[in-house]
Amino acid sequence: MNLLLLDPTQIQDQCARITDARRLGHIREHLKLNMGDTIKIGQKNGLKGTALVESITDQQLLLNHIVLDQAPPPKLPLTLIVALPRPKVLRRLIMDAVTLGVDQLILMHSYRVEKSYWQTPFLQQLDSYIELGLEQAGDTIWPQVQCFKRFRPFVEDILPGLIADQPAFVAHPYADQPMPVAINQPCVLVIGPEGGFIPFEIDLLQHNGCQPASLGPRILRTETAVSSIIGRLFG
């Protein structure tokens, strides 16, 4: 935890009270803060700053002298579209994408996505994964996250509006074009399931404005592909 995120409703007269076990445990066991120490904080969807520890016990953390005077780090101008991964991968993928600064994240269905994935309770915990990613990155701004359970309607009806006048790339190991390097401009990135998109899906994505691009012949795990491509595009 590199930043303690506070909801605006928690801050009253430059003071705040934290009671949830996860953050209390981390602050006590890892940060080892005591009365009078300074802690980095941020207001959800607002500024960053610092506060002083007034007191800390197993039950609560009291903060005072809260000062919010720093802007959060800028987001990447990236819309990341990912075929819904296995539930255990989902948590890591969300945290990594948020930590890297993805501004908009879309989870979608595809042929090789098991329908049971859409029933996982992990989807009900997205906010907690986002919070962990923001705490790691020292960020405060919640990214926009959307889910689309039907591939073709999303690609034909929603995707063209997202692309607009910016480039869009679909990661595909068999594409002739290499993935661009350091474009550092707004773009859309589409990454398929671990089994890859089927040919029909690649054709439909390409027909609706996505350029297939390759990282090379190696087949990467979804979360590895996300980190590798984002680092390549915005390195």
Protein backbone atom coordinates (compact mmCIF):
# COMPACT_ATOMS: atom_id res chain seq x y z
CA MET A 1 0.00 0.00 0.00
CA ASN A 2 1.69 3.19 -1.22
CA LEU A 3 -1.38 5.35 -0.66
CA LEU A 4 -4.29 5.17 1.78
CA LEU A 5 -7.46 5.91 -0.18
CA LEU A 6 -10.24 7.74 1.61
CA ASP A 7 -13.82 8.25 0.53
CA PRO A 8 -14.81 11.93 0.65
CA THR A 9 -17.44 11.08 3.28
CA GLN A 10 -14.67 9.82 5.61
CA ILE A 11 -12.96 13.21 5.79
CA GLN A 12 -14.41 15.65 8.30
CA ASP A 13 -12.59 18.79 9.51
CA GLN A 14 -9.22 17.45 8.27
CA CYS A 15 -9.73 14.21 10.21
CA ALA A 16 -10.64 10.65 9.25
CA ARG A 17 -11.32 7.28 10.85
CA ILE A 18 -10.36 3.93 9.29
CA THR A 19 -11.81 0.68 10.63
CA ASP A 20 -11.58 -1.99 7.91
CA ALA A 21 -9.38 -4.93 8.84
CA ARG A 22 -7.41 -5.20 5.58
CA ARG A 23 -5.97 -1.71 5.63
CA LEU A 24 -5.53 -1.61 9.39
CA GLY A 25 -3.61 -4.87 9.30
CA HIS A 26 -1.33 -3.65 6.49
CA ILE A 27 -0.62 -0.34 8.20
CA ARG A 28 0.20 -2.03 11.51
CA GLU A 29 2.15 -5.02 10.20
CA HIS A 30 3.94 -3.60 7.17
CA LEU A 31 4.04 0.18 7.45
CA LYS A 32 4.46 -0.06 11.24
CA LEU A 33 3.11 3.45 11.81
CA ASN A 34 2.76 4.95 15.25
CA MET A 35 1.17 8.05 16.74
CA GLY A 36 2.57 11.20 15.15
CA ASP A 37 3.83 9.49 11.99
CA THR A 38 2.94 10.82 8.55
CA ILE A 39 1.01 8.70 6.05
CA LYS A 40 0.38 9.28 2.34
CA ILE A 41 -3.34 9.54 1.58
CA GLY A 42 -5.63 10.29 -1.33
CA GLN A 43 -9.27 11.20 -1.73
CA LYS A 44 -11.17 8.92 -4.08
CA ASN A 45 -11.38 10.68 -7.47
CA GLY A 46 -9.60 13.67 -5.94
CA LEU A 47 -6.24 14.97 -4.79
CA LYS A 48 -3.40 13.28 -2.91
CA GLY A 49 -1.67 14.47 0.22
CA THR A 50 -0.66 13.53 3.73
CA ALA A 51 -2.10 13.07 7.21
CA LEU A 52 -0.79 12.51 10.71
CA VAL A 53 -1.57 9.40 12.73
CA GLU A 54 -3.49 10.55 15.80
CA SER A 55 -3.86 7.02 17.18
CA ILE A 56 -3.88 3.43 15.97
CA THR A 57 -5.26 0.25 17.55
CA ASP A 58 -6.44 -3.15 16.37
CA GLN A 59 -9.89 -1.63 15.86
CA GLN A 60 -9.27 1.76 14.25
CA LEU A 61 -6.89 4.32 12.81
CA LEU A 62 -7.52 7.99 13.54
CA LEU A 63 -5.95 10.60 11.27
CA ASN A 64 -5.71 14.36 11.66
CA HIS A 65 -4.05 17.32 9.91
CA ILE A 66 -5.17 16.00 6.53
CA VAL A 67 -3.72 18.03 3.66
CA LEU A 68 -4.74 17.28 0.06
CA ASP A 69 -2.57 19.33 -2.28
CA GLN A 70 -1.11 17.00 -4.94
CA ALA A 71 -2.49 15.87 -8.28
CA PRO A 72 -2.64 12.11 -8.93
CA PRO A 73 -0.39 10.67 -11.65
CA PRO A 74 -1.78 11.00 -15.19
CA LYS A 75 -3.64 8.09 -16.76
CA LEU A 76 -2.55 6.42 -19.96
CA PRO A 77 -4.76 7.47 -22.90
CA LEU A 78 -5.71 3.83 -23.39
CA THR A 79 -8.93 1.89 -23.70
CA LEU A 80 -8.06 -1.72 -22.87
CA ILE A 81 -10.49 -4.38 -24.09
CA VAL A 82 -9.89 -7.90 -22.80
CA ALA A 83 -11.77 -11.14 -23.31
CA LEU A 84 -12.91 -12.17 -19.83
CA PRO A 85 -10.11 -14.33 -18.36
CA ARG A 86 -10.30 -17.16 -15.87
CA PRO A 87 -11.55 -15.89 -12.48
CA LYS A 88 -8.18 -16.33 -10.77
CA VAL A 89 -6.48 -14.35 -13.53
CA LEU A 90 -9.10 -11.60 -13.43
CA ARG A 91 -7.90 -10.23 -10.09
CA ARG A 92 -4.29 -9.93 -11.23
CA LEU A 93 -5.26 -8.48 -14.58
CA ILE A 94 -7.45 -5.74 -13.06
CA MET A 95 -4.81 -4.80 -10.49
CA ASP A 96 -2.01 -4.69 -13.07
CA ALA A 97 -4.04 -2.66 -15.58
CA VAL A 98 -5.03 -0.13 -12.92
CA THR A 99 -1.48 0.10 -11.57
CA LEU A 100 -0.18 0.78 -15.08
CA GLY A 101 -2.68 3.63 -15.47
CA VAL A 102 -5.32 2.27 -17.85
CA ASP A 103 -8.08 4.87 -18.16
CA GLN A 104 -10.87 2.62 -19.45
CA LEU A 105 -11.16 -1.16 -19.16
CA ILE A 106 -13.71 -3.32 -20.96
CA LEU A 107 -14.29 -7.02 -20.33
CA MET A 108 -16.03 -8.85 -23.15
CA HIS A 109 -17.07 -12.31 -24.23
CA SER A 110 -15.52 -14.36 -27.02
CA TYR A 111 -15.84 -17.89 -28.37
CA ARG A 112 -13.13 -19.34 -26.10
CA VAL A 113 -14.39 -17.64 -22.93
CA GLU A 114 -16.25 -20.16 -20.77
CA LYS A 115 -19.79 -18.93 -20.09
CA SER A 116 -19.34 -19.93 -16.45
CA TYR A 117 -16.73 -17.17 -16.08
CA TRP A 118 -19.55 -14.62 -16.16
CA GLN A 119 -21.03 -16.21 -13.02
CA THR A 120 -17.90 -15.86 -10.91
CA PRO A 121 -18.22 -13.81 -7.71
CA PHE A 122 -14.90 -12.21 -8.68
CA LEU A 123 -16.88 -9.92 -11.01
CA GLN A 124 -18.71 -8.55 -7.98
CA GLN A 125 -15.37 -7.62 -6.40
CA LEU A 126 -13.95 -5.45 -9.18
CA ASP A 127 -13.94 -2.32 -7.01
CA SER A 128 -11.76 -4.03 -4.43
CA TYR A 129 -9.23 -5.03 -7.12
CA ILE A 130 -9.28 -1.50 -8.52
CA GLU A 131 -8.63 -0.12 -5.05
CA LEU A 132 -5.62 -2.40 -4.62
CA GLY A 133 -4.23 -1.27 -7.97
CA LEU A 134 -4.71 2.40 -7.11
CA GLU A 135 -3.07 1.95 -3.71
CA GLN A 136 -0.08 0.33 -5.38
CA ALA A 137 0.27 3.06 -8.00
CA GLY A 138 -0.35 5.99 -5.66
CA ASP A 139 -3.37 6.96 -7.77
CA THR A 140 -6.84 8.17 -6.75
CA ILE A 141 -8.86 8.23 -9.97
CA TRP A 142 -11.15 5.25 -10.54
CA PRO A 143 -10.97 3.93 -14.11
CA GLN A 144 -14.15 3.22 -16.02
CA VAL A 145 -14.90 -0.53 -16.19
CA GLN A 146 -17.60 -2.06 -18.39
CA CYS A 147 -18.69 -5.63 -19.22
CA PHE A 148 -20.20 -6.89 -22.47
CA LYS A 149 -21.45 -10.47 -22.58
CA ARG A 150 -22.01 -10.68 -26.35
CA PHE A 151 -19.07 -10.45 -28.71
CA ARG A 152 -20.61 -9.56 -32.07
CA PRO A 153 -23.01 -6.81 -30.86
CA PHE A 154 -20.15 -5.23 -28.94
CA VAL A 155 -17.73 -5.30 -31.89
CA GLU A 156 -20.28 -4.10 -34.43
CA ASP A 157 -22.25 -1.57 -32.37
CA ILE A 158 -19.97 -0.31 -29.57
CA LEU A 159 -16.37 -0.70 -30.73
CA PRO A 160 -16.53 1.68 -33.75
CA GLY A 161 -17.65 4.50 -31.46
CA LEU A 162 -14.80 3.78 -29.04
CA ILE A 163 -12.21 3.83 -31.80
CA ALA A 164 -13.44 7.05 -33.45
CA ASP A 165 -10.31 8.73 -34.86
CA GLN A 166 -7.69 6.86 -32.81
CA PRO A 167 -5.71 3.74 -33.73
CA ALA A 168 -6.90 0.36 -32.46
CA PHE A 169 -4.84 -2.82 -32.25
CA VAL A 170 -5.82 -6.42 -31.62
CA ALA A 171 -3.01 -8.60 -30.30
CA HIS A 172 -2.63 -11.57 -32.64
CA PRO A 173 0.52 -13.75 -32.76
CA TYR A 174 -0.02 -14.62 -36.43
CA ALA A 175 -0.33 -11.06 -37.70
CA ASP A 176 2.24 -9.77 -40.19
CA GLN A 177 2.37 -6.30 -38.61
CA PRO A 178 4.39 -5.94 -35.40
CA MET A 179 2.84 -4.20 -32.42
CA PRO A 180 3.82 -0.50 -32.55
CA VAL A 181 6.42 0.91 -30.18
CA ALA A 182 6.12 4.12 -28.12
CA ILE A 183 3.15 5.60 -29.95
CA ASN A 184 2.30 7.61 -26.82
CA GLN A 185 -1.08 8.72 -28.15
CA PRO A 186 -4.70 7.72 -27.41
CA CYS A 187 -5.43 4.23 -28.67
CA VAL A 188 -7.53 1.10 -28.18
CA LEU A 189 -5.95 -2.27 -27.41
CA VAL A 190 -7.86 -5.56 -27.72
CA ILE A 191 -6.49 -8.75 -26.13
CA GLY A 192 -8.16 -12.13 -26.52
CA PRO A 193 -8.50 -15.15 -24.23
CA GLU A 194 -5.55 -17.40 -23.52
CA GLY A 195 -6.62 -19.66 -26.38
CA GLY A 196 -6.70 -16.65 -28.71
CA PHE A 197 -9.46 -15.24 -30.88
CA ILE A 198 -10.88 -17.55 -33.54
CA PRO A 199 -10.44 -16.44 -37.20
CA PHE A 200 -14.04 -15.16 -37.42
CA GLU A 201 -13.43 -12.88 -34.43
CA ILE A 202 -10.17 -11.52 -35.84
CA ASP A 203 -11.89 -10.82 -39.16
CA LEU A 204 -14.80 -9.05 -37.44
CA LEU A 205 -12.47 -6.95 -35.30
CA GLN A 206 -10.43 -6.01 -38.33
CA HIS A 207 -13.57 -5.14 -40.33
CA ASN A 208 -14.62 -2.79 -37.52
CA GLY A 209 -11.37 -0.86 -37.31
CA CYS A 210 -8.80 -2.95 -35.40
CA GLN A 211 -5.37 -3.66 -36.84
CA PRO A 212 -4.03 -7.14 -36.00
CA ALA A 213 -0.53 -6.79 -34.56
CA SER A 214 1.96 -9.31 -33.20
CA LEU A 215 4.50 -9.43 -30.38
CA GLY A 216 6.19 -12.38 -32.05
CA PRO A 217 5.55 -16.12 -32.26
CA ARG A 218 5.43 -16.79 -28.51
CA ILE A 219 2.00 -17.27 -26.96
CA LEU A 220 1.72 -15.21 -23.79
CA ARG A 221 -0.60 -15.45 -20.82
CA THR A 222 -3.28 -12.78 -20.79
CA GLU A 223 -1.85 -10.78 -17.89
CA THR A 224 1.67 -11.03 -19.36
CA ALA A 225 0.41 -9.77 -22.71
CA VAL A 226 -1.36 -6.83 -21.06
CA SER A 227 1.76 -5.64 -19.22
CA SER A 228 4.10 -6.29 -22.16
CA ILE A 229 2.00 -4.48 -24.76
CA ILE A 230 1.19 -1.49 -22.55
CA GLY A 231 4.90 -1.12 -21.80
CA ARG A 232 5.64 -1.30 -25.51
CA LEU A 233 2.97 1.21 -26.57
CA PHE A 234 3.73 3.75 -23.85
CA GLY A 235 7.35 3.01 -22.99
